Amino acid sequence: MRFFDEQLDAWRSTWIGPGRRMVRAFVARPVGDAIVLSGRFDDGDVRWSFSEITQSSFQWCNEVSLDRGRTWRLQQMFAARRAGT
């Protein structure tokens, strides 16, 4: 679920992971040429970044911080190509 929150001037996004029984609420904003979704959870701060966005591809990174955003650790990175391109 995603919607634009005019009071925040940002998008709210909810990710649901039924396999691990997780629901995560993020706030999404443009940062430079990327779109960054961020959230604070019991197990740390999380940010998901979509960057290098073109008509046919993009890069997605999942990072976590255990010190309130002072340092970040990369957990996953995907280079995605749009189907049919």
C-alpha atoms as a PDB file:
ATOM      1  CA  MET A   1       0.000   0.000   0.000  1.00  0.00           C
ATOM      2  CA  ARG A   2       1.371   3.423  -0.931  1.00  0.00           C
ATOM      3  CA  PHE A   3      -0.069   6.913  -0.704  1.00  0.00           C
ATOM      4  CA  PHE A   4       1.208  10.468  -0.709  1.00  0.00           C
ATOM      5  CA  ASP A   5       1.018  12.209   2.685  1.00  0.00           C
ATOM      6  CA  GLU A   6       0.736  15.946   2.044  1.00  0.00           C
ATOM      7  CA  GLN A   7       1.584  16.824   5.665  1.00  0.00           C
ATOM      8  CA  LEU A   8       4.913  14.950   5.390  1.00  0.00           C
ATOM      9  CA  ASP A   9       5.464  15.894   1.746  1.00  0.00           C
ATOM     10  CA  ALA A  10       6.455  12.254   1.277  1.00  0.00           C
ATOM     11  CA  TRP A  11       5.027   8.884   0.359  1.00  0.00           C
ATOM     12  CA  ARG A  12       3.950   6.373   2.998  1.00  0.00           C
ATOM     13  CA  SER A  13       4.504   2.751   2.031  1.00  0.00           C
ATOM     14  CA  THR A  14       3.644  -0.480   3.834  1.00  0.00           C
ATOM     15  CA  TRP A  15       5.503  -3.704   3.054  1.00  0.00           C
ATOM     16  CA  ILE A  16       4.006  -7.018   4.122  1.00  0.00           C
ATOM     17  CA  GLY A  17       6.155 -10.166   4.439  1.00  0.00           C
ATOM     18  CA  PRO A  18       3.831 -13.053   5.323  1.00  0.00           C
ATOM     19  CA  GLY A  19       6.624 -15.659   5.287  1.00  0.00           C
ATOM     20  CA  ARG A  20       8.251 -13.987   8.307  1.00  0.00           C
ATOM     21  CA  ARG A  21       4.999 -12.498   9.669  1.00  0.00           C
ATOM     22  CA  MET A  22       6.309  -8.961   9.232  1.00  0.00           C
ATOM     23  CA  VAL A  23       4.650  -5.640   8.467  1.00  0.00           C
ATOM     24  CA  ARG A  24       6.913  -2.635   7.894  1.00  0.00           C
ATOM     25  CA  ALA A  25       5.814   0.977   7.454  1.00  0.00           C
ATOM     26  CA  PHE A  26       8.206   3.219   5.533  1.00  0.00           C
ATOM     27  CA  VAL A  27       8.387   6.872   4.511  1.00  0.00           C
ATOM     28  CA  ALA A  28       9.678   7.384   0.959  1.00  0.00           C
ATOM     29  CA  ARG A  29      11.385  10.489  -0.395  1.00  0.00           C
ATOM     30  CA  PRO A  30      13.635  11.378  -3.306  1.00  0.00           C
ATOM     31  CA  VAL A  31      17.310  11.684  -2.309  1.00  0.00           C
ATOM     32  CA  GLY A  32      19.368  12.948  -5.223  1.00  0.00           C
ATOM     33  CA  ASP A  33      18.561  10.687  -8.162  1.00  0.00           C
ATOM     34  CA  ALA A  34      17.355   7.863  -5.884  1.00  0.00           C
ATOM     35  CA  ILE A  35      14.130   7.030  -4.067  1.00  0.00           C
ATOM     36  CA  VAL A  36      14.775   6.086  -0.430  1.00  0.00           C
ATOM     37  CA  LEU A  37      12.289   4.329   1.843  1.00  0.00           C
ATOM     38  CA  SER A  38      13.199   4.537   5.519  1.00  0.00           C
ATOM     39  CA  GLY A  39      11.774   3.156   8.735  1.00  0.00           C
ATOM     40  CA  ARG A  40      12.653   2.627  12.389  1.00  0.00           C
ATOM     41  CA  PHE A  41      11.854  -0.785  13.861  1.00  0.00           C
ATOM     42  CA  ASP A  42      12.607  -2.822  17.000  1.00  0.00           C
ATOM     43  CA  ASP A  43      15.529  -4.523  15.231  1.00  0.00           C
ATOM     44  CA  GLY A  44      17.085  -1.290  13.903  1.00  0.00           C
ATOM     45  CA  ASP A  45      16.677   1.407  11.292  1.00  0.00           C
ATOM     46  CA  VAL A  46      16.137   0.218   7.736  1.00  0.00           C
ATOM     47  CA  ARG A  47      16.456   1.986   4.417  1.00  0.00           C
ATOM     48  CA  TRP A  48      15.655   0.649   0.996  1.00  0.00           C
ATOM     49  CA  SER A  49      17.104   2.619  -1.908  1.00  0.00           C
ATOM     50  CA  PHE A  50      16.109   2.490  -5.558  1.00  0.00           C
ATOM     51  CA  SER A  51      18.842   4.079  -7.660  1.00  0.00           C
ATOM     52  CA  GLU A  52      20.344   4.093 -11.143  1.00  0.00           C
ATOM     53  CA  ILE A  53      16.765   4.142 -12.400  1.00  0.00           C
ATOM     54  CA  THR A  54      16.343   3.958 -16.181  1.00  0.00           C
ATOM     55  CA  GLN A  55      13.536   2.917 -18.514  1.00  0.00           C
ATOM     56  CA  SER A  56      14.862  -0.656 -18.453  1.00  0.00           C
ATOM     57  CA  SER A  57      16.642  -1.185 -15.125  1.00  0.00           C
ATOM     58  CA  PHE A  58      17.295  -0.062 -11.556  1.00  0.00           C
ATOM     59  CA  GLN A  59      19.378  -1.002  -8.512  1.00  0.00           C
ATOM     60  CA  TRP A  60      17.819  -1.835  -5.128  1.00  0.00           C
ATOM     61  CA  CYS A  61      19.736  -1.811  -1.820  1.00  0.00           C
ATOM     62  CA  ASN A  62      18.586  -2.888   1.642  1.00  0.00           C
ATOM     63  CA  GLU A  63      20.638  -1.398   4.490  1.00  0.00           C
ATOM     64  CA  VAL A  64      20.319  -1.580   8.275  1.00  0.00           C
ATOM     65  CA  SER A  65      21.645   0.641  11.063  1.00  0.00           C
ATOM     66  CA  LEU A  66      21.875  -0.474  14.683  1.00  0.00           C
ATOM     67  CA  ASP A  67      23.093   2.934  15.919  1.00  0.00           C
ATOM     68  CA  ARG A  68      20.216   5.207  14.847  1.00  0.00           C
ATOM     69  CA  GLY A  69      21.656   5.969  11.411  1.00  0.00           C
ATOM     70  CA  ARG A  70      25.265   6.836  12.273  1.00  0.00           C
ATOM     71  CA  THR A  71      26.525   3.825  10.327  1.00  0.00           C
ATOM     72  CA  TRP A  72      24.824   1.574   7.779  1.00  0.00           C
ATOM     73  CA  ARG A  73      25.444  -2.061   6.787  1.00  0.00           C
ATOM     74  CA  LEU A  74      24.461  -3.360   3.374  1.00  0.00           C
ATOM     75  CA  GLN A  75      22.288  -6.478   3.682  1.00  0.00           C
ATOM     76  CA  GLN A  76      21.123  -6.982   0.095  1.00  0.00           C
ATOM     77  CA  MET A  77      21.700  -5.467  -3.330  1.00  0.00           C
ATOM     78  CA  PHE A  78      19.888  -6.336  -6.539  1.00  0.00           C
ATOM     79  CA  ALA A  79      20.423  -5.167 -10.085  1.00  0.00           C
ATOM     80  CA  ALA A  80      17.004  -5.426 -11.729  1.00  0.00           C
ATOM     81  CA  ARG A  81      16.086  -5.421 -15.373  1.00  0.00           C
ATOM     82  CA  ARG A  82      12.520  -4.767 -16.467  1.00  0.00           C
ATOM     83  CA  ALA A  83      10.829  -7.675 -18.228  1.00  0.00           C
ATOM     84  CA  GLY A  84      10.684  -7.378 -21.993  1.00  0.00           C
ATOM     85  CA  THR A  85      13.645  -5.016 -22.338  1.00  0.00           C
END
